[in-house]
């Protein structure tokens, strides 16, 4: 193996490894805020249901018109599900087959988590709040079409940038080695 090939190998392999690690970090730095924004959208939908949960005798009920429910469920990419349950897990309103809710640690907080509903992977949130002295848990979930599209776009964008950067780095290293070997070529020719 020539000296140029050895130097190229010693320089390019660590640069490629470093570039791949940076790509992984950049991917997670892009995906985490995107997922948080989508989770917050689910939490906003749960909060939108809170004013419609009202006391009815000894219990609470959801007073939501059909039109309001349709607006809540509208999404061009994903299917949206919701449920309102009491602390015993009894369904007050919404989708009766909604998966088990994970309980947030405090009142008026939400927790986001992956789940499955009707045979599909979903992203769900549970909001635990108090209505007229009674604790209720509101769950909202959506299928993951949007999330997968965003994740794929982030991945392909980063791969394109990383490939371009890698080709640039290899080209620069090649040119630097070529210029660095000029004095050696002169000595060899003499």
N, C-alpha and C. Protein backbone atom coordinates (compact mmCIF):
# COMPACT_ATOMS: atom_id res chain seq x y z
N UNK A 1 0.85 -1.18 0.00
CA UNK A 1 0.00 0.00 0.00
C UNK A 1 0.89 1.24 0.00
N UNK A 2 0.57 2.19 -0.86
CA UNK A 2 1.38 3.40 -0.96
C UNK A 2 1.19 4.28 0.27
N UNK A 3 2.13 5.18 0.46
CA UNK A 3 2.05 6.11 1.59
C UNK A 3 0.80 6.98 1.48
N UNK A 4 0.45 7.40 0.27
CA UNK A 4 -0.76 8.21 0.07
C UNK A 4 -2.01 7.43 0.49
N UNK A 5 -2.09 6.17 0.09
CA UNK A 5 -3.26 5.34 0.44
C UNK A 5 -3.33 5.14 1.95
N UNK A 6 -2.19 4.92 2.59
CA UNK A 6 -2.18 4.74 4.04
C UNK A 6 -2.67 6.01 4.75
N UNK A 7 -2.13 7.15 4.35
CA UNK A 7 -2.55 8.42 4.97
C UNK A 7 -4.03 8.69 4.73
N UNK A 8 -4.47 8.39 3.51
CA UNK A 8 -5.88 8.59 3.19
C UNK A 8 -6.76 7.71 4.08
N UNK A 9 -6.34 6.46 4.26
CA UNK A 9 -7.09 5.54 5.13
C UNK A 9 -7.09 6.05 6.57
N UNK A 10 -5.96 6.46 7.07
CA UNK A 10 -5.86 6.92 8.46
C UNK A 10 -6.66 8.20 8.71
N UNK A 11 -6.78 9.02 7.69
CA UNK A 11 -7.55 10.26 7.85
C UNK A 11 -9.04 10.07 7.58
N UNK A 12 -9.39 9.33 6.53
CA UNK A 12 -10.78 9.24 6.12
C UNK A 12 -11.61 8.35 7.06
N UNK A 13 -11.07 7.23 7.50
CA UNK A 13 -11.85 6.33 8.36
C UNK A 13 -12.28 7.03 9.65
N UNK A 14 -11.39 7.70 10.38
CA UNK A 14 -11.86 8.42 11.58
C UNK A 14 -12.84 9.54 11.25
N UNK A 15 -12.62 10.22 10.12
CA UNK A 15 -13.55 11.28 9.73
C UNK A 15 -14.93 10.72 9.39
N UNK A 16 -14.98 9.58 8.74
CA UNK A 16 -16.27 8.94 8.43
C UNK A 16 -16.97 8.53 9.73
N UNK A 17 -16.22 7.93 10.66
CA UNK A 17 -16.81 7.53 11.95
C UNK A 17 -17.33 8.74 12.71
N UNK A 18 -16.58 9.80 12.73
CA UNK A 18 -16.99 11.03 13.40
C UNK A 18 -18.23 11.63 12.72
N UNK A 19 -18.24 11.57 11.40
CA UNK A 19 -19.37 12.09 10.64
C UNK A 19 -20.64 11.29 10.92
N UNK A 20 -20.51 9.97 11.03
CA UNK A 20 -21.67 9.13 11.33
C UNK A 20 -22.19 9.39 12.74
N UNK A 21 -21.30 9.58 13.70
CA UNK A 21 -21.74 9.91 15.06
C UNK A 21 -22.45 11.26 15.08
N UNK A 22 -21.91 12.23 14.37
CA UNK A 22 -22.54 13.55 14.30
C UNK A 22 -23.91 13.46 13.63
N UNK A 23 -24.03 12.60 12.62
CA UNK A 23 -25.33 12.43 11.95
C UNK A 23 -26.35 11.84 12.91
N UNK A 24 -25.93 10.86 13.70
CA UNK A 24 -26.84 10.28 14.68
C UNK A 24 -27.30 11.29 15.71
N UNK A 25 -26.38 12.10 16.19
CA UNK A 25 -26.73 13.14 17.18
C UNK A 25 -27.66 14.16 16.54
N UNK A 26 -27.36 14.58 15.32
CA UNK A 26 -28.20 15.57 14.63
C UNK A 26 -29.60 15.01 14.39
N UNK A 27 -29.69 13.71 14.07
CA UNK A 27 -30.99 13.08 13.86
C UNK A 27 -31.83 13.18 15.12
N UNK A 28 -31.25 12.80 16.25
CA UNK A 28 -32.02 12.86 17.50
C UNK A 28 -32.32 14.29 17.91
N UNK A 29 -31.41 15.22 17.64
CA UNK A 29 -31.67 16.62 17.97
C UNK A 29 -32.79 17.20 17.10
N UNK A 30 -33.00 16.65 15.93
CA UNK A 30 -34.10 17.10 15.07
C UNK A 30 -35.39 16.37 15.42
N UNK A 31 -35.30 15.06 15.73
CA UNK A 31 -36.50 14.27 15.96
C UNK A 31 -37.16 14.57 17.30
N UNK A 32 -36.39 14.78 18.35
CA UNK A 32 -36.97 14.99 19.68
C UNK A 32 -37.88 16.23 19.72
N UNK A 33 -37.47 17.39 19.22
CA UNK A 33 -38.40 18.53 19.21
C UNK A 33 -39.62 18.31 18.32
N UNK A 34 -39.44 17.60 17.21
CA UNK A 34 -40.58 17.32 16.33
C UNK A 34 -41.59 16.43 17.06
N UNK A 35 -41.10 15.41 17.74
CA UNK A 35 -42.00 14.53 18.49
C UNK A 35 -42.67 15.30 19.64
N UNK A 36 -41.93 16.17 20.30
CA UNK A 36 -42.51 16.96 21.40
C UNK A 36 -43.64 17.86 20.89
N UNK A 37 -43.45 18.46 19.71
CA UNK A 37 -44.48 19.32 19.14
C UNK A 37 -45.74 18.51 18.80
N UNK A 38 -45.55 17.32 18.25
CA UNK A 38 -46.70 16.47 17.93
C UNK A 38 -47.39 15.99 19.21
N UNK A 39 -46.62 15.68 20.24
CA UNK A 39 -47.21 15.29 21.53
C UNK A 39 -48.00 16.45 22.14
N UNK A 40 -47.47 17.66 22.00
CA UNK A 40 -48.18 18.82 22.54
C UNK A 40 -49.50 19.04 21.81
N UNK A 41 -49.55 18.71 20.54
CA UNK A 41 -50.79 18.81 19.79
C UNK A 41 -51.84 17.84 20.35
N UNK A 42 -51.41 16.64 20.71
CA UNK A 42 -52.33 15.69 21.36
C UNK A 42 -52.78 16.20 22.72
N UNK A 43 -51.85 16.78 23.47
CA UNK A 43 -52.21 17.33 24.78
C UNK A 43 -53.20 18.47 24.64
N UNK A 44 -53.03 19.30 23.61
CA UNK A 44 -53.97 20.40 23.37
C UNK A 44 -55.37 19.86 23.09
N UNK A 45 -55.45 18.75 22.36
CA UNK A 45 -56.75 18.14 22.09
C UNK A 45 -57.39 17.65 23.39
N UNK A 46 -56.57 17.09 24.28
CA UNK A 46 -57.11 16.64 25.57
C UNK A 46 -57.58 17.83 26.40
N UNK A 47 -56.80 18.89 26.43
CA UNK A 47 -57.20 20.09 27.16
C UNK A 47 -58.47 20.70 26.59
N UNK A 48 -58.67 20.56 25.27
CA UNK A 48 -59.89 21.09 24.65
C UNK A 48 -61.13 20.34 25.13
N UNK A 49 -60.97 19.11 25.58
CA UNK A 49 -62.09 18.34 26.09
C UNK A 49 -62.47 18.71 27.53
N UNK A 50 -61.53 19.23 28.29
CA UNK A 50 -61.76 19.49 29.73
C UNK A 50 -62.99 20.36 29.98
N UNK A 51 -63.20 21.48 29.28
CA UNK A 51 -64.39 22.29 29.56
C UNK A 51 -65.72 21.57 29.29
N UNK A 52 -65.67 20.51 28.51
CA UNK A 52 -66.89 19.78 28.16
C UNK A 52 -67.19 18.65 29.15
N UNK A 53 -66.25 18.38 30.05
CA UNK A 53 -66.49 17.38 31.09
C UNK A 53 -67.14 18.11 32.26
N UNK A 54 -68.36 17.73 32.55
CA UNK A 54 -69.14 18.46 33.57
C UNK A 54 -69.78 17.50 34.56
N UNK A 55 -70.03 18.04 35.74
CA UNK A 55 -70.65 17.24 36.81
C UNK A 55 -72.08 16.90 36.42
N UNK A 56 -72.46 15.67 36.73
CA UNK A 56 -73.82 15.21 36.48
C UNK A 56 -74.22 14.32 37.66
N UNK A 57 -74.82 14.91 38.68
CA UNK A 57 -75.16 14.15 39.88
C UNK A 57 -73.91 13.78 40.65
N UNK A 58 -73.72 12.49 40.88
CA UNK A 58 -72.55 12.01 41.62
C UNK A 58 -71.35 11.75 40.72
N UNK A 59 -71.54 11.84 39.43
CA UNK A 59 -70.44 11.54 38.50
C UNK A 59 -70.24 12.70 37.54
N UNK A 60 -69.41 12.47 36.54
CA UNK A 60 -69.19 13.48 35.50
C UNK A 60 -69.55 12.86 34.15
N UNK A 61 -69.86 13.71 33.21
CA UNK A 61 -70.13 13.25 31.85
C UNK A 61 -69.52 14.22 30.86
N UNK A 62 -69.35 13.76 29.65
CA UNK A 62 -68.80 14.59 28.59
C UNK A 62 -69.96 15.13 27.77
N UNK A 63 -70.10 16.44 27.77
CA UNK A 63 -71.14 17.08 26.97
C UNK A 63 -70.46 17.69 25.74
N UNK A 64 -70.43 16.89 24.69
CA UNK A 64 -69.73 17.27 23.46
C UNK A 64 -70.66 16.97 22.30
N UNK A 65 -70.92 17.99 21.48
CA UNK A 65 -71.79 17.79 20.33
C UNK A 65 -71.10 16.90 19.28
N UNK A 66 -71.89 16.33 18.41
CA UNK A 66 -71.34 15.48 17.33
C UNK A 66 -70.38 16.28 16.45
N UNK A 67 -70.74 17.54 16.18
CA UNK A 67 -69.88 18.38 15.34
C UNK A 67 -68.54 18.64 16.03
N UNK A 68 -68.58 18.90 17.34
CA UNK A 68 -67.34 19.15 18.07
C UNK A 68 -66.48 17.89 18.09
N UNK A 69 -67.10 16.73 18.23
CA UNK A 69 -66.35 15.47 18.21
C UNK A 69 -65.72 15.25 16.84
N UNK A 70 -66.45 15.57 15.79
CA UNK A 70 -65.89 15.43 14.44
C UNK A 70 -64.69 16.34 14.24
N UNK A 71 -64.78 17.57 14.76
CA UNK A 71 -63.65 18.49 14.65
C UNK A 71 -62.44 17.93 15.40
N UNK A 72 -62.67 17.35 16.57
CA UNK A 72 -61.59 16.77 17.35
C UNK A 72 -60.91 15.62 16.60
N UNK A 73 -61.71 14.87 15.87
CA UNK A 73 -61.17 13.68 15.19
C UNK A 73 -60.62 13.97 13.79
N UNK A 74 -60.76 15.19 13.30
CA UNK A 74 -60.30 15.51 11.94
C UNK A 74 -58.78 15.55 11.89
N UNK A 75 -58.24 14.79 10.97
CA UNK A 75 -56.81 14.78 10.70
C UNK A 75 -56.64 14.22 9.29
N UNK A 76 -55.87 14.87 8.46
CA UNK A 76 -55.74 14.45 7.07
C UNK A 76 -54.85 13.23 6.90
N UNK A 77 -54.03 12.92 7.91
CA UNK A 77 -53.09 11.81 7.79
C UNK A 77 -53.39 10.67 8.75
N UNK A 78 -53.79 10.99 9.97
CA UNK A 78 -53.91 10.00 11.01
C UNK A 78 -55.35 9.86 11.49
N UNK A 79 -55.60 8.71 12.11
CA UNK A 79 -56.88 8.50 12.77
C UNK A 79 -56.70 8.92 14.23
N UNK A 80 -57.66 9.66 14.76
CA UNK A 80 -57.58 10.20 16.12
C UNK A 80 -58.62 9.50 17.00
N UNK A 81 -58.19 9.13 18.20
CA UNK A 81 -59.06 8.46 19.17
C UNK A 81 -59.03 9.25 20.47
N UNK A 82 -60.09 9.13 21.27
CA UNK A 82 -60.07 9.75 22.59
C UNK A 82 -60.95 8.97 23.56
N UNK A 83 -60.70 9.19 24.83
CA UNK A 83 -61.50 8.57 25.88
C UNK A 83 -61.44 9.45 27.12
N UNK A 84 -62.54 9.45 27.88
CA UNK A 84 -62.58 10.10 29.19
C UNK A 84 -62.94 9.01 30.18
N UNK A 85 -62.08 8.84 31.20
CA UNK A 85 -62.30 7.80 32.20
C UNK A 85 -62.18 8.37 33.61
N UNK A 86 -62.85 7.68 34.55
CA UNK A 86 -62.67 8.07 35.95
C UNK A 86 -61.45 7.34 36.51
N UNK A 87 -61.17 7.55 37.79
CA UNK A 87 -59.97 6.96 38.39
C UNK A 87 -60.06 5.44 38.52
N UNK A 88 -61.26 4.90 38.43
CA UNK A 88 -61.44 3.45 38.49
C UNK A 88 -61.24 2.81 37.12
N UNK A 89 -61.07 3.63 36.08
CA UNK A 89 -60.89 3.12 34.72
C UNK A 89 -62.17 2.93 33.96
N UNK A 90 -63.29 3.40 34.53
CA UNK A 90 -64.59 3.29 33.85
C UNK A 90 -64.67 4.36 32.77
N UNK A 91 -65.05 3.96 31.56
CA UNK A 91 -65.15 4.89 30.45
C UNK A 91 -66.41 5.74 30.59
N UNK A 92 -66.20 7.05 30.59
CA UNK A 92 -67.31 8.01 30.68
C UNK A 92 -67.79 8.37 29.27
N UNK A 93 -66.83 8.54 28.36
CA UNK A 93 -67.16 8.90 26.98
C UNK A 93 -65.97 8.56 26.09
N UNK A 94 -66.23 8.53 24.80
CA UNK A 94 -65.16 8.30 23.83
C UNK A 94 -65.10 6.86 23.36
N UNK A 95 -63.93 6.46 22.92
CA UNK A 95 -63.72 5.12 22.37
C UNK A 95 -63.56 4.12 23.51
N UNK A 96 -64.51 3.20 23.62
CA UNK A 96 -64.50 2.23 24.73
C UNK A 96 -63.33 1.26 24.62
N UNK A 97 -62.79 1.07 23.41
CA UNK A 97 -61.66 0.15 23.25
C UNK A 97 -60.30 0.85 23.34
N UNK A 98 -60.32 2.10 23.84
CA UNK A 98 -59.06 2.83 24.02
C UNK A 98 -58.17 2.03 24.96
N UNK A 99 -56.86 1.93 24.67
CA UNK A 99 -55.99 1.13 25.53
C UNK A 99 -55.88 1.70 26.95
N UNK A 100 -55.31 0.90 27.83
CA UNK A 100 -55.14 1.33 29.21
C UNK A 100 -54.34 2.62 29.27
N UNK A 101 -54.79 3.54 30.11
CA UNK A 101 -54.13 4.84 30.23
C UNK A 101 -52.97 4.76 31.22
N UNK A 102 -51.86 5.33 30.85
CA UNK A 102 -50.78 5.51 31.81
C UNK A 102 -51.09 6.77 32.60
N UNK A 103 -50.84 6.73 33.88
CA UNK A 103 -51.28 7.83 34.74
C UNK A 103 -50.12 8.79 35.00
N UNK A 104 -50.32 10.08 34.72
CA UNK A 104 -49.28 11.07 35.05
C UNK A 104 -49.08 11.16 36.56
N UNK A 105 -47.93 11.66 36.95
CA UNK A 105 -47.59 11.70 38.37
C UNK A 105 -48.36 12.77 39.13
N UNK A 106 -48.88 13.79 38.44
CA UNK A 106 -49.57 14.89 39.11
C UNK A 106 -50.82 15.29 38.33
N UNK A 107 -51.67 16.03 39.03
CA UNK A 107 -52.86 16.61 38.40
C UNK A 107 -52.41 17.68 37.41
N UNK A 108 -53.15 17.81 36.31
CA UNK A 108 -52.92 18.81 35.26
C UNK A 108 -51.59 18.64 34.55
N UNK A 109 -51.10 17.43 34.53
CA UNK A 109 -49.93 17.09 33.72
C UNK A 109 -50.36 16.03 32.71
N UNK A 110 -49.61 15.95 31.62
CA UNK A 110 -49.88 14.87 30.67
C UNK A 110 -48.62 14.04 30.50
N UNK A 111 -48.83 12.82 30.07
CA UNK A 111 -47.72 11.91 29.80
C UNK A 111 -47.94 11.33 28.40
N UNK A 112 -46.89 11.27 27.60
CA UNK A 112 -46.97 10.74 26.24
C UNK A 112 -46.27 9.39 26.19
N UNK A 113 -46.82 8.48 25.39
CA UNK A 113 -46.24 7.13 25.33
C UNK A 113 -46.73 6.41 24.07
N UNK A 114 -45.98 5.41 23.61
CA UNK A 114 -46.44 4.60 22.48
C UNK A 114 -47.44 3.57 22.97
N UNK A 115 -48.37 3.22 22.11
CA UNK A 115 -49.38 2.23 22.47
C UNK A 115 -49.89 1.58 21.19
N UNK A 116 -50.88 0.70 21.33
CA UNK A 116 -51.52 0.06 20.18
C UNK A 116 -53.02 0.17 20.34
N UNK A 117 -53.68 0.44 19.21
CA UNK A 117 -55.13 0.51 19.22
C UNK A 117 -55.65 -0.02 17.90
N UNK A 118 -56.60 -0.92 17.98
CA UNK A 118 -57.22 -1.52 16.79
C UNK A 118 -56.18 -2.08 15.82
N UNK A 119 -55.16 -2.70 16.40
CA UNK A 119 -54.12 -3.35 15.59
C UNK A 119 -53.08 -2.42 15.01
N UNK A 120 -53.11 -1.15 15.38
CA UNK A 120 -52.14 -0.19 14.83
C UNK A 120 -51.33 0.44 15.94
N UNK A 121 -50.08 0.79 15.61
CA UNK A 121 -49.27 1.55 16.54
C UNK A 121 -49.82 2.96 16.62
N UNK A 122 -49.94 3.47 17.83
CA UNK A 122 -50.41 4.84 18.04
C UNK A 122 -49.48 5.54 19.03
N UNK A 123 -49.54 6.84 19.01
CA UNK A 123 -48.90 7.66 20.05
C UNK A 123 -50.04 8.20 20.88
N UNK A 124 -49.97 8.00 22.18
CA UNK A 124 -51.06 8.39 23.07
C UNK A 124 -50.56 9.34 24.15
N UNK A 125 -51.47 10.13 24.68
CA UNK A 125 -51.18 10.93 25.86
C UNK A 125 -52.32 10.73 26.84
N UNK A 126 -52.00 10.87 28.11
CA UNK A 126 -53.02 10.87 29.15
C UNK A 126 -52.88 12.17 29.91
N UNK A 127 -53.99 12.85 30.08
CA UNK A 127 -54.06 14.06 30.89
C UNK A 127 -54.91 13.72 32.10
N UNK A 128 -54.38 14.00 33.27
CA UNK A 128 -55.14 13.79 34.50
C UNK A 128 -55.49 15.16 35.07
N UNK A 129 -56.78 15.40 35.28
CA UNK A 129 -57.22 16.69 35.78
C UNK A 129 -58.40 16.52 36.73
N UNK A 130 -58.79 17.61 37.35
CA UNK A 130 -59.88 17.57 38.30
C UNK A 130 -61.05 18.39 37.75
N UNK A 131 -62.24 17.79 37.79
CA UNK A 131 -63.46 18.46 37.34
C UNK A 131 -64.47 18.37 38.47
N UNK A 132 -64.84 19.53 38.99
CA UNK A 132 -65.82 19.60 40.09
C UNK A 132 -65.48 18.64 41.23
N UNK A 133 -64.22 18.62 41.62
CA UNK A 133 -63.78 17.80 42.74
C UNK A 133 -63.52 16.34 42.40
N UNK A 134 -63.73 15.94 41.16
CA UNK A 134 -63.50 14.55 40.78
C UNK A 134 -62.34 14.47 39.79
N UNK A 135 -61.48 13.51 40.01
CA UNK A 135 -60.33 13.30 39.12
C UNK A 135 -60.82 12.54 37.88
N UNK A 136 -60.46 13.06 36.72
CA UNK A 136 -60.75 12.37 35.46
C UNK A 136 -59.46 12.24 34.68
N UNK A 137 -59.43 11.23 33.85
CA UNK A 137 -58.27 11.00 32.97
C UNK A 137 -58.76 11.04 31.53
N UNK A 138 -58.12 11.86 30.76
CA UNK A 138 -58.48 12.00 29.35
C UNK A 138 -57.33 11.46 28.51
N UNK A 139 -57.65 10.54 27.64
CA UNK A 139 -56.65 9.97 26.74
C UNK A 139 -56.94 10.38 25.31
N UNK A 140 -55.91 10.76 24.59
CA UNK A 140 -56.02 11.08 23.17
C UNK A 140 -54.87 10.35 22.47
N UNK A 141 -55.19 9.73 21.35
CA UNK A 141 -54.17 9.00 20.59
C UNK A 141 -54.37 9.23 19.11
N UNK A 142 -53.29 9.05 18.38
CA UNK A 142 -53.37 9.12 16.92
C UNK A 142 -52.44 8.08 16.32
N UNK A 143 -52.80 7.62 15.14
CA UNK A 143 -51.91 6.69 14.43
C UNK A 143 -50.63 7.45 14.09
N UNK A 144 -49.64 6.76 13.57
CA UNK A 144 -48.31 7.35 13.46
C UNK A 144 -47.89 7.70 12.04
N UNK A 145 -48.83 7.91 11.15
CA UNK A 145 -48.50 8.22 9.75
C UNK A 145 -47.69 9.51 9.66
N UNK A 146 -48.20 10.59 10.27
CA UNK A 146 -47.51 11.89 10.25
C UNK A 146 -46.12 11.78 10.85
N UNK A 147 -46.04 11.12 12.00
CA UNK A 147 -44.75 10.99 12.69
C UNK A 147 -43.75 10.23 11.83
N UNK A 148 -44.20 9.16 11.20
CA UNK A 148 -43.29 8.39 10.35
C UNK A 148 -42.84 9.20 9.14
N UNK A 149 -43.74 10.01 8.57
CA UNK A 149 -43.35 10.86 7.44
C UNK A 149 -42.31 11.89 7.86
N UNK A 150 -42.53 12.52 9.01
CA UNK A 150 -41.58 13.52 9.49
C UNK A 150 -40.24 12.87 9.79
N UNK A 151 -40.29 11.72 10.44
CA UNK A 151 -39.05 11.01 10.79
C UNK A 151 -38.27 10.64 9.52
N UNK A 152 -38.99 10.17 8.50
CA UNK A 152 -38.34 9.79 7.24
C UNK A 152 -37.73 11.02 6.56
N UNK A 153 -38.44 12.13 6.56
CA UNK A 153 -37.89 13.36 5.96
C UNK A 153 -36.63 13.82 6.67
N UNK A 154 -36.66 13.77 8.00
CA UNK A 154 -35.47 14.15 8.77
C UNK A 154 -34.30 13.24 8.40
N UNK A 155 -34.55 11.94 8.37
CA UNK A 155 -33.50 10.97 8.08
C UNK A 155 -32.90 11.18 6.69
N UNK A 156 -33.76 11.31 5.67
CA UNK A 156 -33.24 11.48 4.30
C UNK A 156 -32.52 12.81 4.12
N UNK A 157 -33.02 13.86 4.77
CA UNK A 157 -32.34 15.16 4.69
C UNK A 157 -30.95 15.09 5.30
N UNK A 158 -30.87 14.46 6.46
CA UNK A 158 -29.57 14.33 7.12
C UNK A 158 -28.62 13.44 6.32
N UNK A 159 -29.14 12.37 5.75
CA UNK A 159 -28.28 11.50 4.94
C UNK A 159 -27.72 12.25 3.73
N UNK A 160 -28.55 13.06 3.09
CA UNK A 160 -28.08 13.83 1.93
C UNK A 160 -26.98 14.82 2.35
N UNK A 161 -27.22 15.52 3.46
CA UNK A 161 -26.22 16.49 3.94
C UNK A 161 -24.93 15.78 4.34
N UNK A 162 -25.07 14.66 5.05
CA UNK A 162 -23.88 13.92 5.50
C UNK A 162 -23.10 13.35 4.33
N UNK A 163 -23.79 12.85 3.31
CA UNK A 163 -23.10 12.33 2.13
C UNK A 163 -22.34 13.44 1.41
N UNK A 164 -22.97 14.59 1.26
CA UNK A 164 -22.30 15.73 0.63
C UNK A 164 -21.09 16.16 1.45
N UNK A 165 -21.24 16.22 2.76
CA UNK A 165 -20.14 16.59 3.64
C UNK A 165 -19.00 15.58 3.55
N UNK A 166 -19.35 14.31 3.53
CA UNK A 166 -18.34 13.26 3.45
C UNK A 166 -17.56 13.34 2.14
N UNK A 167 -18.27 13.55 1.03
CA UNK A 167 -17.58 13.67 -0.26
C UNK A 167 -16.66 14.90 -0.28
N UNK A 168 -17.12 15.98 0.34
CA UNK A 168 -16.30 17.19 0.41
C UNK A 168 -15.05 16.94 1.24
N UNK A 169 -15.21 16.28 2.38
CA UNK A 169 -14.07 16.00 3.25
C UNK A 169 -13.06 15.11 2.54
N UNK A 170 -13.53 14.05 1.87
CA UNK A 170 -12.61 13.16 1.15
C UNK A 170 -11.89 13.93 0.05
N UNK A 171 -12.62 14.79 -0.68
CA UNK A 171 -11.98 15.60 -1.72
C UNK A 171 -10.93 16.54 -1.16
N UNK A 172 -11.22 17.18 -0.04
CA UNK A 172 -10.25 18.10 0.58
C UNK A 172 -9.03 17.33 1.06
N UNK A 173 -9.24 16.18 1.70
CA UNK A 173 -8.11 15.37 2.18
C UNK A 173 -7.26 14.92 1.01
N UNK A 174 -7.90 14.51 -0.09
CA UNK A 174 -7.16 14.09 -1.28
C UNK A 174 -6.31 15.24 -1.82
N UNK A 175 -6.89 16.44 -1.91
CA UNK A 175 -6.15 17.59 -2.42
C UNK A 175 -5.00 17.96 -1.49
N UNK A 176 -5.23 17.92 -0.18
CA UNK A 176 -4.18 18.25 0.78
C UNK A 176 -3.03 17.25 0.67
N UNK A 177 -3.36 15.97 0.56
CA UNK A 177 -2.31 14.96 0.40
C UNK A 177 -1.55 15.17 -0.91
N UNK A 178 -2.30 15.49 -1.96
CA UNK A 178 -1.67 15.71 -3.26
C UNK A 178 -0.68 16.87 -3.18
N UNK A 179 -1.11 17.97 -2.54
CA UNK A 179 -0.22 19.13 -2.39
C UNK A 179 0.94 18.81 -1.43
N UNK A 180 0.65 18.02 -0.41
CA UNK A 180 1.69 17.67 0.56
C UNK A 180 2.76 16.79 -0.03
N UNK A 181 2.42 16.00 -1.04
CA UNK A 181 3.38 15.10 -1.66
C UNK A 181 4.19 15.75 -2.78
N UNK A 182 3.91 16.99 -3.14
CA UNK A 182 4.66 17.66 -4.20
C UNK A 182 6.16 17.71 -3.91
N UNK A 183 6.56 18.10 -2.69
CA UNK A 183 8.01 18.11 -2.42
C UNK A 183 8.63 16.70 -2.52
N UNK A 184 7.87 15.69 -2.09
CA UNK A 184 8.40 14.32 -2.19
C UNK A 184 8.55 13.88 -3.63
N UNK A 185 7.62 14.30 -4.49
CA UNK A 185 7.72 13.96 -5.91
C UNK A 185 8.97 14.58 -6.52
N UNK A 186 9.24 15.83 -6.11
CA UNK A 186 10.45 16.51 -6.61
C UNK A 186 11.72 15.77 -6.21
N UNK A 187 11.74 15.31 -4.96
CA UNK A 187 12.90 14.56 -4.47
C UNK A 187 13.02 13.23 -5.24
N UNK A 188 11.88 12.57 -5.44
CA UNK A 188 11.88 11.30 -6.16
C UNK A 188 12.39 11.47 -7.60
N UNK A 189 11.90 12.56 -8.25
CA UNK A 189 12.31 12.79 -9.62
C UNK A 189 13.81 13.06 -9.73
N UNK A 190 14.35 13.76 -8.71
CA UNK A 190 15.81 14.03 -8.73
C UNK A 190 16.58 12.76 -8.50
